[in-house]
C-alpha cells in the first residue's frame, strides 16, 4: 500500500546549510569586521572541525564539559544555543567575543539555507497526489521562516520540531506526534531522512523509511525524486 503521508527531515534532507567559510564571512561582513582571506579560511576550517555550524559537520571531539548538553541539544532552544556556541568557543577567534553568538544567530536565518534542487518539485508532486506532508526535525529553533522564504511552506501540512516537544529523534514519541500531526497511522507514513539512526528510528513505530545522503546541494540534484515513485 502506498503511503498516505510523507515525513521529511530538515537539514541534509530538504535543505542544506551554507558552507562554513560563507557562514563566517557573512557574520564578519554584517559586523563590519575586516579580515584577510587566509584568516577566514583558517578559522572557518577550525570551526567546522569543532562542529560549531549546526547542520554542518559533526564535531571531531566534544569536550567533556559539553557532552551532556550536546547529547540533548535538540530538546530546547537554550540547550541548542549552549551546545553550538560552546563548541564555537573552543576555537579562539581574533575578533570580538560577540562573533560567537552572531555565528549562531546567522545559521537560523533563511539566507543560510539552500533547498536541495528537487525539493520543491517533490513536495509539489506529493501535494498533487493528495499525500500529506510533514516536517519532523531535531532542532532548537523555529525553521518555519526558512520554508516560507524559500517558497516551500505551502507544501507542508505540519511541522513537528523536537524543541517544541522536549524529545528528539529517534524517540518514538516525536514520530508519533508527527504522524498525528498529518492525521495518519504510522503504517501509512513514510519517513525520509539522511540520518539512518535518528530518522530511521521511525521504523520502530511502524513507519517506512527512505534514506538520502547528506551532501552539498549541488552534489545531490535528485536524491528526493524516488519518493514520488514510492507513493504511486
Protein backbone atom coordinates (compact mmCIF):
# COMPACT_ATOMS: atom_id res chain seq x y z
CA UNK A 1 0.00 0.00 0.00
CA UNK A 2 1.30 3.45 -0.91
CA UNK A 3 2.00 5.87 1.95
CA UNK A 4 -0.74 8.38 2.68
CA UNK A 5 1.71 10.80 4.23
CA UNK A 6 5.44 11.52 3.99
CA UNK A 7 7.54 12.96 6.79
CA UNK A 8 10.76 14.75 5.88
CA UNK A 9 13.77 15.63 7.97
CA UNK A 10 15.03 19.20 7.51
CA UNK A 11 18.82 19.55 7.47
CA UNK A 12 20.57 17.31 4.99
CA UNK A 13 17.24 16.14 3.58
CA UNK A 14 15.18 19.06 2.24
CA UNK A 15 17.72 21.82 2.93
CA UNK A 16 21.49 22.14 3.25
CA UNK A 17 23.21 24.76 5.39
CA UNK A 18 25.72 27.09 3.75
CA UNK A 19 29.45 26.20 3.76
CA UNK A 20 31.38 27.21 6.88
CA UNK A 21 33.50 29.77 5.07
CA UNK A 22 30.46 31.60 3.66
CA UNK A 23 28.82 31.43 7.10
CA UNK A 24 31.79 33.10 8.76
CA UNK A 25 32.20 35.71 6.03
CA UNK A 26 28.52 36.69 6.29
CA UNK A 27 28.84 37.30 10.02
CA UNK A 28 32.03 39.35 9.69
CA UNK A 29 30.59 41.39 6.82
CA UNK A 30 27.40 42.13 8.79
CA UNK A 31 29.50 43.32 11.73
CA UNK A 32 31.74 45.45 9.52
CA UNK A 33 34.81 43.46 10.54
CA UNK A 34 37.64 43.42 8.03
CA UNK A 35 39.55 40.16 7.84
CA UNK A 36 42.09 38.68 5.46
CA UNK A 37 41.09 35.71 3.32
CA UNK A 38 43.68 33.39 4.80
CA UNK A 39 42.45 34.10 8.32
CA UNK A 40 38.83 33.49 7.35
CA UNK A 41 39.65 30.21 5.63
CA UNK A 42 41.71 29.04 8.61
CA UNK A 43 39.10 29.98 11.21
CA UNK A 44 36.21 28.57 9.18
CA UNK A 45 38.00 25.24 8.90
CA UNK A 46 38.66 25.20 12.65
CA UNK A 47 35.01 26.00 13.42
CA UNK A 48 33.90 23.24 11.08
CA UNK A 49 36.17 20.71 12.79
CA UNK A 50 34.73 21.82 16.12
CA UNK A 51 31.20 21.15 14.84
CA UNK A 52 30.15 24.72 15.54
CA UNK A 53 27.90 25.07 12.48
CA UNK A 54 24.54 23.41 13.11
CA UNK A 55 23.62 21.40 10.05
CA UNK A 56 27.27 21.09 9.08
CA UNK A 57 29.87 18.55 10.11
CA UNK A 58 29.65 16.84 13.47
CA UNK A 59 32.38 17.80 15.94
CA UNK A 60 35.59 15.83 15.77
CA UNK A 61 35.61 15.87 19.56
CA UNK A 62 33.06 17.05 22.11
CA UNK A 63 34.69 18.48 25.25
CA UNK A 64 33.68 16.67 28.42
CA UNK A 65 32.03 19.80 29.79
CA UNK A 66 29.70 19.90 26.77
CA UNK A 67 28.90 16.20 26.44
CA UNK A 68 25.53 16.28 28.23
CA UNK A 69 24.22 19.42 26.53
CA UNK A 70 25.44 18.11 23.16
CA UNK A 71 23.55 14.83 23.51
CA UNK A 72 20.34 16.63 24.47
CA UNK A 73 20.83 19.78 22.39
CA UNK A 74 17.63 19.41 20.38
CA UNK A 75 15.31 19.26 23.38
CA UNK A 76 15.20 23.02 23.95
CA UNK A 77 16.21 26.35 22.46
CA UNK A 78 18.54 27.02 25.39
CA UNK A 79 20.37 23.70 25.09
CA UNK A 80 20.77 24.08 21.35
CA UNK A 81 22.35 27.51 21.63
CA UNK A 82 24.55 26.42 24.55
CA UNK A 83 25.80 23.39 22.63
CA UNK A 84 26.75 25.19 19.44
CA UNK A 85 28.11 28.38 20.95
CA UNK A 86 30.04 26.19 23.39
CA UNK A 87 31.62 24.29 20.52
CA UNK A 88 32.39 27.53 18.68
CA UNK A 89 34.16 28.91 21.73
CA UNK A 90 36.58 26.01 21.61
CA UNK A 91 38.08 27.87 18.64
CA UNK A 92 39.98 31.07 19.53
CA UNK A 93 38.87 33.76 17.08
CA UNK A 94 40.78 37.04 16.53
CA UNK A 95 37.57 39.08 16.64
CA UNK A 96 35.21 40.44 19.32
CA UNK A 97 33.51 37.89 21.56
CA UNK A 98 30.11 38.83 20.13
CA UNK A 99 31.05 36.98 16.94
CA UNK A 100 30.34 33.64 18.63
CA UNK A 101 26.68 34.48 19.25
CA UNK A 102 26.41 36.14 15.84
CA UNK A 103 27.56 32.91 14.21
CA UNK A 104 24.80 31.01 15.97
CA UNK A 105 22.22 33.64 15.00
CA UNK A 106 23.32 33.54 11.36
CA UNK A 107 22.64 29.82 11.00
CA UNK A 108 18.98 30.39 11.90
CA UNK A 109 18.40 32.82 9.03
CA UNK A 110 16.76 31.70 5.76
CA UNK A 111 19.77 33.06 3.87
CA UNK A 112 21.96 30.40 5.50
CA UNK A 113 19.95 27.55 3.94
CA UNK A 114 19.54 26.27 0.41
CA UNK A 115 16.83 23.81 -0.68
CA UNK A 116 18.01 20.71 -2.47
CA UNK A 117 17.39 21.13 -6.23
CA UNK A 118 14.49 18.67 -6.34
CA UNK A 119 12.85 19.61 -3.03
CA UNK A 120 10.18 21.91 -4.49
CA UNK A 121 9.26 19.52 -7.29
CA UNK A 122 8.92 16.57 -4.93
CA UNK A 123 6.86 18.46 -2.36
CA UNK A 124 4.66 19.86 -5.11
CA UNK A 125 4.26 16.38 -6.59
CA UNK A 126 3.12 15.00 -3.26
CA UNK A 127 0.56 17.77 -2.92
CA UNK A 128 -0.75 16.98 -6.40
CA UNK A 129 -1.15 13.34 -5.33
CA UNK A 130 -3.05 14.36 -2.18
CA UNK A 131 -0.30 12.94 0.02
CA UNK A 132 0.04 14.73 3.34
CA UNK A 133 3.49 16.18 4.10
CA UNK A 134 5.10 16.76 7.46
CA UNK A 135 8.50 18.01 8.56
CA UNK A 136 9.94 16.35 11.66
CA UNK A 137 13.26 17.75 12.80
CA UNK A 138 15.74 17.57 15.64
CA UNK A 139 16.28 21.28 16.06
CA UNK A 140 16.42 24.06 18.64
CA UNK A 141 14.78 26.91 16.73
CA UNK A 142 11.78 27.65 14.51
CA UNK A 143 12.57 26.61 10.94
CA UNK A 144 9.21 27.69 9.50
CA UNK A 145 10.60 31.04 8.22
CA UNK A 146 13.16 29.10 6.17
CA UNK A 147 10.38 27.23 4.38
CA UNK A 148 8.32 30.39 3.89
CA UNK A 149 11.23 32.39 2.48
CA UNK A 150 12.16 29.66 0.02
CA UNK A 151 8.56 29.09 -1.07
CA UNK A 152 8.14 25.58 0.32
CA UNK A 153 5.81 26.26 3.25
CA UNK A 154 2.74 25.97 1.03
CA UNK A 155 3.50 22.27 0.54
CA UNK A 156 3.91 21.39 4.22
CA UNK A 157 0.86 20.38 6.26
CA UNK A 158 2.54 20.15 9.67
CA UNK A 159 5.83 20.77 11.46
CA UNK A 160 6.95 18.62 14.39
CA UNK A 161 10.05 20.15 15.96
CA UNK A 162 11.96 18.47 18.76
CA UNK A 163 12.43 21.59 20.89
CA UNK A 164 8.66 22.20 20.90
CA UNK A 165 8.04 18.69 22.27
CA UNK A 166 11.05 18.26 24.53
CA UNK A 167 12.08 15.00 22.85
CA UNK A 168 14.33 14.25 19.91
CA UNK A 169 14.62 11.57 17.26
CA UNK A 170 14.86 8.58 17.41
CA UNK A 171 12.42 8.78 20.34
CA UNK A 172 9.15 7.21 19.09
CA UNK A 173 7.22 9.97 20.88
CA UNK A 174 8.35 12.53 18.32
CA UNK A 175 7.46 10.32 15.37
CA UNK A 176 4.08 9.56 16.93
CA UNK A 177 3.42 13.28 17.31
CA UNK A 178 4.43 13.80 13.66
CA UNK A 179 2.08 11.06 12.46
CA UNK A 180 -0.76 12.54 14.47
CA UNK A 181 0.01 15.98 13.03
CA UNK A 182 -0.50 14.68 9.47
CA UNK A 183 -3.52 12.62 10.52
CA UNK A 184 -2.22 9.19 9.57
CA UNK A 185 -1.37 5.94 11.33
CA UNK A 186 2.37 5.12 11.38
CA UNK A 187 1.95 2.19 8.98
CA UNK A 188 0.63 4.65 6.38
CA UNK A 189 3.55 7.04 6.77
CA UNK A 190 6.96 7.17 5.07
CA UNK A 191 9.88 8.88 6.80
CA UNK A 192 12.58 10.45 4.60
CA UNK A 193 15.89 11.48 6.15
CA UNK A 194 19.66 11.48 5.99
CA UNK A 195 20.35 10.02 9.44
CA UNK A 196 19.91 6.24 9.48
CA UNK A 197 19.80 6.17 13.27
CA UNK A 198 17.72 9.23 14.12
CA UNK A 199 15.37 9.27 11.11
CA UNK A 200 15.40 5.51 10.68
CA UNK A 201 14.06 5.28 14.22
CA UNK A 202 10.61 5.86 12.72
CA UNK A 203 10.55 2.19 11.72
CA UNK A 204 10.20 1.21 15.39
CA UNK A 205 6.77 2.82 15.27
CA UNK A 206 5.82 1.07 12.03
CA UNK A 207 6.65 3.81 9.52
CA UNK A 208 8.52 3.13 6.31
CA UNK A 209 11.92 4.72 5.83
CA UNK A 210 13.67 6.11 2.76
CA UNK A 211 17.28 7.31 3.31
CA UNK A 212 19.03 10.10 1.44
CA UNK A 213 22.66 11.18 1.58
CA UNK A 214 23.69 14.34 3.44
CA UNK A 215 25.63 16.00 0.62
CA UNK A 216 26.09 19.57 -0.63
CA UNK A 217 23.01 20.61 -2.59
CA UNK A 218 24.83 20.72 -5.94
CA UNK A 219 26.06 17.16 -5.43
CA UNK A 220 22.59 15.71 -4.81
CA UNK A 221 20.30 17.07 -7.52
CA UNK A 222 17.70 14.30 -7.49
CA UNK A 223 18.05 12.30 -4.28
CA UNK A 224 14.45 13.02 -3.26
CA UNK A 225 12.77 12.19 -6.56
CA UNK A 226 12.39 8.44 -5.88
CA UNK A 227 9.92 9.35 -3.13
CA UNK A 228 7.32 10.20 -5.77
CA UNK A 229 7.61 6.68 -7.14
CA UNK A 230 7.02 5.23 -3.70
CA UNK A 231 3.66 6.96 -3.29
CA UNK A 232 2.37 5.87 -6.69
